[in-house]
Amino acid sequence: MCVQEFRCREVKVGKIINTYVMSLDTCNRKVWLEGDAQAYRFKKDSMILLLQKAMTRRATFIIQDNVVSWIELQDEAHRHASEHGKELRDMLQRTVDETLEQVFNEEGARTIQVFLKNTLHITPKMIVENPEVFSSGLRRLLGSGATVVESLIVENLCQKFGSKFEEKKGCEFSDCVEELSKRLDERKVLKGKA
């Protein structure tokens, strides 16, 4: 088992690679990994199947503040999300790429993405699940300029969803991603009734 750990603005993130789930308590949402006596929590019931599969297959785990936030089974990437989550993830990934290229050009955008991947183990596909870590990484790299980039990302994303962008004071990037996710849910419900 290989463990990489680092802190970024009060968010403790770790990557545990090439290991198995040794024990799983679904009632209390706890999981124990091979070679580690510590119990980690998991938030979503949708992770249970992956955690069960990781009992017989090696996997990589991203742990954020002692909570399993990402699981990748060896040779097979899995991310449990609802249909809207996949749509939001894909849209957010494209919007982040486009916005970074808009602000920093293609080479600058690639440099930022490499930094986020190598330093924080955050790939563009994970931004919806870990917007706080993405935001912390941007702040670490860009300082106060990260807020401007995040606002542009949210504004561009709102335009793609046909929503009005309203910047709210004190609203974090992660709050905006969550709000857009709710709006997308509502939109799907309305389409389903039509």
N, C-alpha and C. Protein backbone atom coordinates (compact mmCIF):
# COMPACT_ATOMS: atom_id res chain seq x y z
N MET A 1 0.85 -1.17 0.00
CA MET A 1 0.00 0.00 0.00
C MET A 1 0.90 1.23 0.00
N CYS A 2 0.62 2.15 -0.89
CA CYS A 2 1.37 3.40 -0.98
C CYS A 2 0.44 4.54 -0.60
N VAL A 3 0.88 5.38 0.30
CA VAL A 3 0.05 6.50 0.76
C VAL A 3 0.76 7.80 0.46
N GLN A 4 0.07 8.69 -0.21
CA GLN A 4 0.58 10.05 -0.43
C GLN A 4 -0.39 10.97 0.26
N GLU A 5 0.13 11.93 1.02
CA GLU A 5 -0.75 12.81 1.77
C GLU A 5 -0.22 14.23 1.75
N PHE A 6 -1.11 15.19 1.74
CA PHE A 6 -0.73 16.59 1.77
C PHE A 6 -1.89 17.40 2.29
N ARG A 7 -1.61 18.64 2.69
CA ARG A 7 -2.64 19.55 3.18
C ARG A 7 -2.74 20.71 2.22
N CYS A 8 -3.95 21.14 2.02
CA CYS A 8 -4.11 22.35 1.22
C CYS A 8 -5.30 23.11 1.80
N ARG A 9 -5.01 24.21 2.45
CA ARG A 9 -6.02 25.10 3.04
C ARG A 9 -7.06 24.36 3.86
N GLU A 10 -6.64 23.72 4.91
CA GLU A 10 -7.55 23.07 5.84
C GLU A 10 -8.21 21.81 5.29
N VAL A 11 -7.92 21.43 4.04
CA VAL A 11 -8.49 20.21 3.49
C VAL A 11 -7.35 19.20 3.41
N LYS A 12 -7.45 18.13 4.17
CA LYS A 12 -6.44 17.10 4.16
C LYS A 12 -6.83 16.06 3.12
N VAL A 13 -5.96 15.87 2.14
CA VAL A 13 -6.25 14.96 1.04
C VAL A 13 -5.16 13.91 0.97
N GLY A 14 -5.56 12.67 0.77
CA GLY A 14 -4.59 11.59 0.64
C GLY A 14 -4.99 10.67 -0.50
N LYS A 15 -3.98 10.02 -1.05
CA LYS A 15 -4.22 9.06 -2.12
C LYS A 15 -3.61 7.74 -1.67
N ILE A 16 -4.43 6.73 -1.59
CA ILE A 16 -3.98 5.40 -1.20
C ILE A 16 -4.12 4.52 -2.44
N ILE A 17 -3.00 3.99 -2.90
CA ILE A 17 -3.02 3.25 -4.16
C ILE A 17 -2.74 1.78 -3.96
N ASN A 18 -3.26 0.99 -4.90
CA ASN A 18 -2.96 -0.43 -5.00
C ASN A 18 -3.25 -1.20 -3.72
N THR A 19 -4.46 -1.05 -3.20
CA THR A 19 -4.82 -1.74 -1.97
C THR A 19 -6.25 -2.29 -2.05
N TYR A 20 -6.62 -3.07 -1.05
CA TYR A 20 -7.94 -3.69 -0.98
C TYR A 20 -8.75 -3.11 0.18
N VAL A 21 -10.06 -3.27 0.10
CA VAL A 21 -10.93 -3.02 1.24
C VAL A 21 -10.89 -4.29 2.09
N MET A 22 -10.58 -4.14 3.36
CA MET A 22 -10.51 -5.29 4.26
C MET A 22 -11.84 -5.55 4.97
N SER A 23 -12.54 -4.45 5.30
CA SER A 23 -13.80 -4.59 6.01
C SER A 23 -14.69 -3.41 5.66
N LEU A 24 -16.01 -3.68 5.67
CA LEU A 24 -16.96 -2.66 5.27
C LEU A 24 -18.17 -2.71 6.20
N ASP A 25 -18.49 -1.58 6.81
CA ASP A 25 -19.65 -1.45 7.68
C ASP A 25 -20.62 -0.48 7.00
N THR A 26 -21.61 -1.03 6.30
CA THR A 26 -22.53 -0.19 5.53
C THR A 26 -23.51 0.58 6.42
N CYS A 27 -23.83 0.04 7.58
CA CYS A 27 -24.77 0.73 8.47
C CYS A 27 -24.16 2.03 9.00
N ASN A 28 -22.90 1.97 9.40
CA ASN A 28 -22.23 3.15 9.95
C ASN A 28 -21.39 3.89 8.91
N ARG A 29 -21.45 3.41 7.67
CA ARG A 29 -20.71 4.03 6.55
C ARG A 29 -19.21 4.14 6.85
N LYS A 30 -18.61 3.03 7.23
CA LYS A 30 -17.19 3.00 7.51
C LYS A 30 -16.53 1.91 6.68
N VAL A 31 -15.26 2.14 6.34
CA VAL A 31 -14.50 1.19 5.55
C VAL A 31 -13.07 1.14 6.09
N TRP A 32 -12.48 -0.07 6.11
CA TRP A 32 -11.11 -0.26 6.53
C TRP A 32 -10.33 -0.80 5.35
N LEU A 33 -9.16 -0.23 5.12
CA LEU A 33 -8.34 -0.62 3.98
C LEU A 33 -7.19 -1.50 4.44
N GLU A 34 -6.70 -2.32 3.53
CA GLU A 34 -5.59 -3.23 3.80
C GLU A 34 -4.39 -2.47 4.37
N GLY A 35 -3.83 -3.00 5.45
CA GLY A 35 -2.63 -2.41 6.04
C GLY A 35 -2.86 -1.11 6.77
N ASP A 36 -4.09 -0.76 7.07
CA ASP A 36 -4.39 0.51 7.72
C ASP A 36 -5.46 0.26 8.80
N ALA A 37 -5.14 0.54 10.03
CA ALA A 37 -6.08 0.28 11.13
C ALA A 37 -7.18 1.35 11.21
N GLN A 38 -6.96 2.48 10.56
CA GLN A 38 -7.92 3.58 10.62
C GLN A 38 -9.18 3.26 9.81
N ALA A 39 -10.32 3.65 10.35
CA ALA A 39 -11.58 3.54 9.62
C ALA A 39 -11.82 4.85 8.89
N TYR A 40 -12.22 4.73 7.63
CA TYR A 40 -12.57 5.90 6.84
C TYR A 40 -14.08 5.90 6.65
N ARG A 41 -14.66 7.08 6.49
CA ARG A 41 -16.09 7.18 6.23
C ARG A 41 -16.31 7.25 4.73
N PHE A 42 -17.53 6.98 4.32
CA PHE A 42 -17.93 7.26 2.94
C PHE A 42 -19.31 7.88 3.01
N LYS A 43 -19.57 8.84 2.10
CA LYS A 43 -20.79 9.63 2.18
C LYS A 43 -21.96 9.01 1.44
N LYS A 44 -21.69 8.44 0.30
CA LYS A 44 -22.78 8.04 -0.59
C LYS A 44 -23.01 6.53 -0.60
N ASP A 45 -24.26 6.15 -0.49
CA ASP A 45 -24.60 4.73 -0.60
C ASP A 45 -24.21 4.17 -1.96
N SER A 46 -24.15 5.05 -2.96
CA SER A 46 -23.79 4.58 -4.30
C SER A 46 -22.36 4.06 -4.36
N MET A 47 -21.56 4.30 -3.33
CA MET A 47 -20.18 3.82 -3.30
C MET A 47 -20.08 2.38 -2.77
N ILE A 48 -21.13 1.88 -2.18
CA ILE A 48 -21.07 0.57 -1.54
C ILE A 48 -20.67 -0.53 -2.52
N LEU A 49 -21.25 -0.54 -3.70
CA LEU A 49 -20.91 -1.57 -4.68
C LEU A 49 -19.43 -1.51 -5.05
N LEU A 50 -18.91 -0.33 -5.27
CA LEU A 50 -17.48 -0.20 -5.58
C LEU A 50 -16.61 -0.67 -4.42
N LEU A 51 -17.01 -0.29 -3.20
CA LEU A 51 -16.25 -0.72 -2.03
C LEU A 51 -16.28 -2.24 -1.91
N GLN A 52 -17.41 -2.85 -2.22
CA GLN A 52 -17.49 -4.31 -2.19
C GLN A 52 -16.60 -4.93 -3.26
N LYS A 53 -16.59 -4.34 -4.45
CA LYS A 53 -15.72 -4.85 -5.52
C LYS A 53 -14.25 -4.70 -5.13
N ALA A 54 -13.93 -3.63 -4.37
CA ALA A 54 -12.55 -3.40 -3.95
C ALA A 54 -12.10 -4.38 -2.88
N MET A 55 -12.99 -5.25 -2.43
CA MET A 55 -12.60 -6.30 -1.50
C MET A 55 -11.87 -7.42 -2.24
N THR A 56 -12.12 -7.53 -3.53
CA THR A 56 -11.49 -8.59 -4.33
C THR A 56 -10.60 -8.04 -5.44
N ARG A 57 -10.62 -6.76 -5.65
CA ARG A 57 -9.79 -6.12 -6.68
C ARG A 57 -9.02 -4.96 -6.07
N ARG A 58 -7.77 -4.85 -6.43
CA ARG A 58 -6.98 -3.71 -5.95
C ARG A 58 -7.59 -2.41 -6.48
N ALA A 59 -7.45 -1.35 -5.68
CA ALA A 59 -8.05 -0.08 -6.05
C ALA A 59 -7.21 1.07 -5.53
N THR A 60 -7.48 2.25 -6.07
CA THR A 60 -6.89 3.49 -5.59
C THR A 60 -8.02 4.31 -4.96
N PHE A 61 -7.72 4.90 -3.81
CA PHE A 61 -8.71 5.66 -3.06
C PHE A 61 -8.20 7.09 -2.86
N ILE A 62 -9.06 8.06 -3.07
CA ILE A 62 -8.77 9.43 -2.69
C ILE A 62 -9.54 9.67 -1.40
N ILE A 63 -8.81 10.08 -0.37
CA ILE A 63 -9.39 10.31 0.95
C ILE A 63 -9.30 11.81 1.23
N GLN A 64 -10.43 12.41 1.53
CA GLN A 64 -10.47 13.85 1.84
C GLN A 64 -11.03 14.00 3.24
N ASP A 65 -10.20 14.48 4.17
CA ASP A 65 -10.59 14.62 5.57
C ASP A 65 -11.20 13.34 6.12
N ASN A 66 -10.51 12.23 5.91
CA ASN A 66 -10.91 10.89 6.37
C ASN A 66 -12.20 10.37 5.76
N VAL A 67 -12.59 10.93 4.62
CA VAL A 67 -13.78 10.47 3.91
C VAL A 67 -13.35 10.00 2.52
N VAL A 68 -13.76 8.79 2.14
CA VAL A 68 -13.46 8.28 0.80
C VAL A 68 -14.28 9.10 -0.18
N SER A 69 -13.59 9.80 -1.09
CA SER A 69 -14.31 10.63 -2.05
C SER A 69 -14.18 10.13 -3.48
N TRP A 70 -13.32 9.17 -3.72
CA TRP A 70 -13.11 8.65 -5.08
C TRP A 70 -12.52 7.26 -4.98
N ILE A 71 -13.00 6.36 -5.85
CA ILE A 71 -12.47 5.00 -5.92
C ILE A 71 -12.23 4.67 -7.37
N GLU A 72 -11.06 4.14 -7.64
CA GLU A 72 -10.78 3.67 -8.99
C GLU A 72 -10.27 2.24 -8.88
N LEU A 73 -11.06 1.31 -9.39
CA LEU A 73 -10.63 -0.07 -9.38
C LEU A 73 -9.52 -0.24 -10.40
N GLN A 74 -8.58 -1.12 -10.10
CA GLN A 74 -7.47 -1.33 -11.00
C GLN A 74 -7.98 -1.72 -12.39
N ASP A 75 -7.48 -1.05 -13.40
CA ASP A 75 -7.83 -1.27 -14.80
C ASP A 75 -9.23 -0.82 -15.18
N GLU A 76 -9.94 -0.22 -14.25
CA GLU A 76 -11.32 0.17 -14.57
C GLU A 76 -11.73 1.35 -13.71
N ALA A 77 -11.87 2.52 -14.33
CA ALA A 77 -12.26 3.71 -13.56
C ALA A 77 -13.77 3.68 -13.33
N HIS A 78 -14.14 3.91 -12.09
CA HIS A 78 -15.56 3.95 -11.73
C HIS A 78 -15.86 5.24 -11.00
N ARG A 79 -16.96 5.81 -11.30
CA ARG A 79 -17.45 6.96 -10.55
C ARG A 79 -18.95 6.83 -10.51
N HIS A 80 -19.47 6.71 -9.31
CA HIS A 80 -20.92 6.57 -9.21
C HIS A 80 -21.55 7.94 -9.15
N ALA A 81 -22.38 8.19 -10.12
CA ALA A 81 -23.12 9.45 -10.17
C ALA A 81 -24.42 9.18 -10.89
N SER A 82 -25.38 9.98 -10.58
CA SER A 82 -26.64 9.85 -11.29
C SER A 82 -26.45 10.35 -12.71
N GLU A 83 -27.46 10.20 -13.53
CA GLU A 83 -27.37 10.64 -14.91
C GLU A 83 -27.06 12.13 -14.97
N HIS A 84 -27.70 12.91 -14.12
CA HIS A 84 -27.43 14.35 -14.13
C HIS A 84 -26.00 14.64 -13.68
N GLY A 85 -25.47 13.81 -12.77
CA GLY A 85 -24.10 14.00 -12.32
C GLY A 85 -23.11 13.84 -13.45
N LYS A 86 -23.35 12.85 -14.31
CA LYS A 86 -22.47 12.65 -15.47
C LYS A 86 -22.59 13.83 -16.42
N GLU A 87 -23.80 14.29 -16.66
CA GLU A 87 -23.99 15.44 -17.55
C GLU A 87 -23.31 16.67 -16.97
N LEU A 88 -23.49 16.91 -15.68
CA LEU A 88 -22.86 18.06 -15.04
C LEU A 88 -21.35 17.92 -15.06
N ARG A 89 -20.85 16.72 -14.75
CA ARG A 89 -19.41 16.49 -14.75
C ARG A 89 -18.80 16.78 -16.12
N ASP A 90 -19.44 16.24 -17.16
CA ASP A 90 -18.93 16.45 -18.52
C ASP A 90 -18.98 17.93 -18.90
N MET A 91 -20.09 18.58 -18.58
CA MET A 91 -20.25 19.99 -18.90
C MET A 91 -19.24 20.83 -18.11
N LEU A 92 -19.06 20.53 -16.84
CA LEU A 92 -18.12 21.27 -16.01
C LEU A 92 -16.69 21.06 -16.50
N GLN A 93 -16.37 19.83 -16.85
CA GLN A 93 -15.03 19.54 -17.34
C GLN A 93 -14.73 20.35 -18.60
N ARG A 94 -15.67 20.35 -19.54
CA ARG A 94 -15.47 21.12 -20.77
C ARG A 94 -15.38 22.62 -20.47
N THR A 95 -16.23 23.09 -19.57
CA THR A 95 -16.25 24.51 -19.23
C THR A 95 -14.97 24.94 -18.54
N VAL A 96 -14.47 24.12 -17.62
CA VAL A 96 -13.20 24.43 -16.95
C VAL A 96 -12.08 24.50 -17.99
N ASP A 97 -12.00 23.51 -18.87
CA ASP A 97 -10.98 23.50 -19.92
C ASP A 97 -11.07 24.76 -20.78
N GLU A 98 -12.28 25.06 -21.23
CA GLU A 98 -12.48 26.22 -22.11
C GLU A 98 -12.15 27.53 -21.39
N THR A 99 -12.55 27.65 -20.13
CA THR A 99 -12.31 28.88 -19.39
C THR A 99 -10.82 29.07 -19.11
N LEU A 100 -10.15 27.99 -18.72
CA LEU A 100 -8.71 28.10 -18.48
C LEU A 100 -7.98 28.49 -19.77
N GLU A 101 -8.40 27.92 -20.90
CA GLU A 101 -7.78 28.28 -22.18
C GLU A 101 -8.12 29.73 -22.56
N GLN A 102 -9.33 30.16 -22.24
CA GLN A 102 -9.75 31.53 -22.52
C GLN A 102 -8.88 32.53 -21.74
N VAL A 103 -8.56 32.20 -20.50
CA VAL A 103 -7.81 33.11 -19.65
C VAL A 103 -6.29 32.97 -19.84
N PHE A 104 -5.80 31.72 -19.94
CA PHE A 104 -4.36 31.48 -19.91
C PHE A 104 -3.78 30.93 -21.21
N ASN A 105 -4.54 30.73 -22.22
CA ASN A 105 -4.20 30.07 -23.48
C ASN A 105 -4.03 28.57 -23.25
N GLU A 106 -3.87 27.83 -24.31
CA GLU A 106 -3.87 26.36 -24.23
C GLU A 106 -2.72 25.83 -23.37
N GLU A 107 -1.53 26.38 -23.55
CA GLU A 107 -0.37 25.90 -22.80
C GLU A 107 -0.51 26.21 -21.31
N GLY A 108 -0.99 27.40 -20.96
CA GLY A 108 -1.20 27.76 -19.57
C GLY A 108 -2.26 26.89 -18.91
N ALA A 109 -3.33 26.60 -19.65
CA ALA A 109 -4.40 25.72 -19.13
C ALA A 109 -3.85 24.33 -18.84
N ARG A 110 -3.04 23.83 -19.75
CA ARG A 110 -2.45 22.48 -19.58
C ARG A 110 -1.53 22.47 -18.36
N THR A 111 -0.77 23.54 -18.15
CA THR A 111 0.12 23.63 -16.99
C THR A 111 -0.68 23.58 -15.69
N ILE A 112 -1.79 24.30 -15.64
CA ILE A 112 -2.64 24.30 -14.45
C ILE A 112 -3.21 22.90 -14.21
N GLN A 113 -3.67 22.25 -15.27
CA GLN A 113 -4.25 20.91 -15.12
C GLN A 113 -3.19 19.90 -14.66
N VAL A 114 -1.97 20.01 -15.16
CA VAL A 114 -0.89 19.12 -14.72
C VAL A 114 -0.58 19.36 -13.25
N PHE A 115 -0.55 20.62 -12.84
CA PHE A 115 -0.32 20.94 -11.43
C PHE A 115 -1.40 20.31 -10.55
N LEU A 116 -2.66 20.50 -10.93
CA LEU A 116 -3.76 19.96 -10.13
C LEU A 116 -3.69 18.44 -10.07
N LYS A 117 -3.36 17.81 -11.18
CA LYS A 117 -3.30 16.35 -11.21
C LYS A 117 -2.11 15.83 -10.40
N ASN A 118 -0.94 16.40 -10.61
CA ASN A 118 0.26 15.89 -9.94
C ASN A 118 0.35 16.27 -8.47
N THR A 119 -0.17 17.43 -8.12
CA THR A 119 -0.06 17.90 -6.74
C THR A 119 -1.24 17.47 -5.89
N LEU A 120 -2.45 17.57 -6.44
CA LEU A 120 -3.65 17.29 -5.64
C LEU A 120 -4.37 16.02 -6.06
N HIS A 121 -3.86 15.37 -7.09
CA HIS A 121 -4.49 14.14 -7.60
C HIS A 121 -5.92 14.39 -8.06
N ILE A 122 -6.17 15.59 -8.56
CA ILE A 122 -7.49 15.95 -9.04
C ILE A 122 -7.45 16.02 -10.56
N THR A 123 -8.25 15.19 -11.19
CA THR A 123 -8.38 15.24 -12.63
C THR A 123 -9.62 16.06 -12.95
N PRO A 124 -9.73 16.58 -14.17
CA PRO A 124 -10.92 17.36 -14.51
C PRO A 124 -12.22 16.60 -14.26
N LYS A 125 -12.20 15.28 -14.41
CA LYS A 125 -13.41 14.49 -14.21
C LYS A 125 -13.87 14.47 -12.76
N MET A 126 -12.97 14.83 -11.84
CA MET A 126 -13.29 14.75 -10.42
C MET A 126 -13.77 16.08 -9.85
N ILE A 127 -13.81 17.13 -10.64
CA ILE A 127 -14.12 18.47 -10.12
C ILE A 127 -15.52 18.54 -9.51
N VAL A 128 -16.49 17.86 -10.09
CA VAL A 128 -17.85 17.90 -9.55
C VAL A 128 -17.89 17.26 -8.17
N GLU A 129 -17.13 16.17 -7.98
CA GLU A 129 -17.13 15.50 -6.68
C GLU A 129 -16.28 16.21 -5.64
N ASN A 130 -15.26 16.95 -6.09
CA ASN A 130 -14.34 17.61 -5.17
C ASN A 130 -14.12 19.08 -5.54
N PRO A 131 -15.17 19.87 -5.64
CA PRO A 131 -14.95 21.27 -6.03
C PRO A 131 -14.13 22.05 -5.00
N GLU A 132 -14.18 21.65 -3.72
CA GLU A 132 -13.40 22.33 -2.70
C GLU A 132 -11.91 22.13 -2.93
N VAL A 133 -11.53 20.91 -3.28
CA VAL A 133 -10.12 20.61 -3.50
C VAL A 133 -9.64 21.31 -4.77
N PHE A 134 -10.48 21.30 -5.81
CA PHE A 134 -10.15 22.02 -7.05
C PHE A 134 -9.93 23.50 -6.74
N SER A 135 -10.85 24.08 -5.99
CA SER A 135 -10.77 25.49 -5.62
C SER A 135 -9.52 25.78 -4.80
N SER A 136 -9.21 24.92 -3.85
CA SER A 136 -8.00 25.09 -3.03
C SER A 136 -6.75 25.02 -3.89
N GLY A 137 -6.75 24.11 -4.85
CA GLY A 137 -5.60 23.99 -5.75
C GLY A 137 -5.41 25.23 -6.59
N LEU A 138 -6.52 25.77 -7.11
CA LEU A 138 -6.43 27.00 -7.89
C LEU A 138 -5.90 28.15 -7.03
N ARG A 139 -6.39 28.24 -5.79
CA ARG A 139 -5.94 29.31 -4.90
C ARG A 139 -4.46 29.16 -4.56
N ARG A 140 -4.06 27.92 -4.41
CA ARG A 140 -2.66 27.65 -4.10
C ARG A 140 -1.77 28.10 -5.26
N LEU A 141 -2.23 27.90 -6.46
CA LEU A 141 -1.45 28.24 -7.65
C LEU A 141 -1.60 29.70 -8.05
N LEU A 142 -2.84 30.23 -8.01
CA LEU A 142 -3.11 31.55 -8.55
C LEU A 142 -3.34 32.63 -7.49
N GLY A 143 -3.38 32.25 -6.24
CA GLY A 143 -3.65 33.22 -5.18
C GLY A 143 -5.06 33.80 -5.33
N SER A 144 -5.19 35.09 -5.13
CA SER A 144 -6.51 35.73 -5.18
C SER A 144 -7.10 35.71 -6.59
N GLY A 145 -6.26 35.49 -7.60
CA GLY A 145 -6.75 35.40 -8.99
C GLY A 145 -7.64 34.20 -9.21
N ALA A 146 -7.57 33.22 -8.33
CA ALA A 146 -8.41 32.03 -8.47
C ALA A 146 -9.89 32.38 -8.41
N THR A 147 -10.24 33.36 -7.60
CA THR A 147 -11.65 33.76 -7.46
C THR A 147 -12.20 34.25 -8.79
N VAL A 148 -11.40 35.00 -9.53
CA VAL A 148 -11.82 35.51 -10.84
C VAL A 148 -12.03 34.35 -11.81
N VAL A 149 -11.11 33.41 -11.82
CA VAL A 149 -11.22 32.25 -12.71
C VAL A 149 -12.45 31.42 -12.35
N GLU A 150 -12.67 31.19 -11.06
CA GLU A 150 -13.85 30.43 -10.62
C GLU A 150 -15.14 31.13 -11.04
N SER A 151 -15.19 32.44 -10.89
CA SER A 151 -16.38 33.19 -11.31
C SER A 151 -16.63 33.04 -12.81
N LEU A 152 -15.55 33.10 -13.59
CA LEU A 152 -15.69 32.91 -15.04
C LEU A 152 -16.18 31.51 -15.37
N ILE A 153 -15.67 30.51 -14.67
CA ILE A 153 -16.12 29.13 -14.90
C ILE A 153 -17.61 29.02 -14.63
N VAL A 154 -18.05 29.56 -13.49
CA VAL A 154 -19.47 29.49 -13.11
C VAL A 154 -20.32 30.27 -14.11
N GLU A 155 -19.87 31.45 -14.51
CA GLU A 155 -20.61 32.25 -15.47
C GLU A 155 -20.75 31.51 -16.80
N ASN A 156 -19.67 30.92 -17.29
CA ASN A 156 -19.72 30.16 -18.55
C ASN A 156 -20.61 28.93 -18.43
N LEU A 157 -20.56 28.29 -17.28
CA LEU A 157 -21.39 27.11 -17.05
C LEU A 157 -22.87 27.49 -17.03
N CYS A 158 -23.19 28.60 -16.38
CA CYS A 158 -24.57 29.08 -16.34
C CYS A 158 -25.08 29.35 -17.76
N GLN A 159 -24.25 29.96 -18.58
CA GLN A 159 -24.65 30.24 -19.96
C GLN A 159 -24.96 28.95 -20.71
N LYS A 160 -24.16 27.92 -20.48
CA LYS A 160 -24.39 26.64 -21.17
C LYS A 160 -25.70 25.99 -20.72
N PHE A 161 -26.06 26.20 -19.46
CA PHE A 161 -27.31 25.63 -18.94
C PHE A 161 -28.50 26.55 -19.20
N GLY A 162 -28.23 27.72 -19.77
CA GLY A 162 -29.31 28.67 -20.02
C GLY A 162 -29.82 29.31 -18.75
N SER A 163 -28.95 29.39 -17.74
CA SER A 163 -29.32 30.00 -16.47
C SER A 163 -28.69 31.38 -16.36
N LYS A 164 -29.30 32.21 -15.55
CA LYS A 164 -28.77 33.54 -15.32
C LYS A 164 -27.68 33.46 -14.25
N PHE A 165 -26.56 34.10 -14.52
CA PHE A 165 -25.46 34.12 -13.56
C PHE A 165 -25.64 35.28 -12.60
N GLU A 166 -25.72 34.95 -11.32
CA GLU A 166 -25.83 35.97 -10.28
C GLU A 166 -24.74 35.70 -9.26
N GLU A 167 -23.77 36.59 -9.22
CA GLU A 167 -22.67 36.41 -8.27
C GLU A 167 -23.17 36.80 -6.88
N LYS A 168 -23.04 35.86 -5.94
CA LYS A 168 -23.48 36.11 -4.57
C LYS A 168 -22.26 36.26 -3.68
N LYS A 169 -22.28 37.26 -2.85
CA LYS A 169 -21.17 37.50 -1.95
C LYS A 169 -21.08 36.36 -0.94
N GLY A 170 -19.88 35.87 -0.72
CA GLY A 170 -19.65 34.79 0.24
C GLY A 170 -19.96 33.41 -0.31
N CYS A 171 -20.39 33.33 -1.55
CA CYS A 171 -20.71 32.05 -2.16
C CYS A 171 -19.43 31.43 -2.71
N GLU A 172 -19.11 30.24 -2.27
CA GLU A 172 -17.91 29.54 -2.71
C GLU A 172 -18.17 28.83 -4.04
N PHE A 173 -17.11 28.49 -4.73
CA PHE A 173 -17.19 27.76 -6.00
C PHE A 173 -17.99 26.47 -5.82
N SER A 174 -17.71 25.75 -4.73
CA SER A 174 -18.41 24.48 -4.48
C SER A 174 -19.91 24.69 -4.30
N ASP A 175 -20.31 25.82 -3.68
CA ASP A 175 -21.72 26.14 -3.52
C ASP A 175 -22.39 26.35 -4.88
N CYS A 176 -21.65 27.03 -5.78
CA CYS A 176 -22.19 27.29 -7.12
C CYS A 176 -22.37 25.99 -7.90
N VAL A 177 -21.40 25.08 -7.79
CA VAL A 177 -21.50 23.78 -8.48
C VAL A 177 -22.70 23.01 -7.94
N GLU A 178 -22.88 23.03 -6.63
CA GLU A 178 -24.03 22.35 -6.02
C GLU A 178 -25.35 22.96 -6.48
N GLU A 179 -25.41 24.29 -6.53
CA GLU A 179 -26.62 24.99 -6.98
C GLU A 179 -26.94 24.63 -8.44
N LEU A 180 -25.93 24.60 -9.28
CA LEU A 180 -26.15 24.23 -10.69
C LEU A 180 -26.62 22.79 -10.81
N SER A 181 -26.11 21.93 -9.96
CA SER A 181 -26.54 20.53 -9.95
C SER A 181 -28.03 20.44 -9.59
N LYS A 182 -28.46 21.23 -8.60
CA LYS A 182 -29.89 21.25 -8.22
C LYS A 182 -30.75 21.78 -9.36
N ARG A 183 -30.27 22.84 -10.03
CA ARG A 183 -31.02 23.39 -11.16
C ARG A 183 -31.17 22.35 -12.28
N LEU A 184 -30.11 21.60 -12.52
CA LEU A 184 -30.16 20.57 -13.55
C LEU A 184 -31.16 19.48 -13.16
N ASP A 185 -31.18 19.11 -11.88
CA ASP A 185 -32.16 18.14 -11.39
C ASP A 185 -33.58 18.63 -11.64
N GLU A 186 -33.83 19.89 -11.29
CA GLU A 186 -35.16 20.47 -11.46
C GLU A 186 -35.56 20.48 -12.93
N ARG A 187 -34.59 20.81 -13.78
CA ARG A 187 -34.84 20.85 -15.22
C ARG A 187 -35.22 19.47 -15.75
N LYS A 188 -34.53 18.44 -15.26
CA LYS A 188 -34.82 17.07 -15.71
C LYS A 188 -36.21 16.63 -15.23
N VAL A 189 -36.58 17.03 -14.00
CA VAL A 189 -37.90 16.67 -13.47
C VAL A 189 -38.98 17.33 -14.33
N LEU A 190 -38.79 18.61 -14.66
CA LEU A 190 -39.76 19.31 -15.49
C LEU A 190 -39.87 18.69 -16.88
N LYS A 191 -38.73 18.29 -17.46
CA LYS A 191 -38.75 17.65 -18.78
C LYS A 191 -39.48 16.31 -18.71
N GLY A 192 -39.29 15.59 -17.58
CA GLY A 192 -39.95 14.29 -17.41
C GLY A 192 -41.45 14.42 -17.31
N LYS A 193 -41.96 15.55 -16.79
CA LYS A 193 -43.39 15.77 -16.64
C LYS A 193 -44.04 16.24 -17.94
N ALA A 194 -43.21 16.79 -18.82
CA ALA A 194 -43.74 17.34 -20.08
C ALA A 194 -44.10 16.24 -21.06
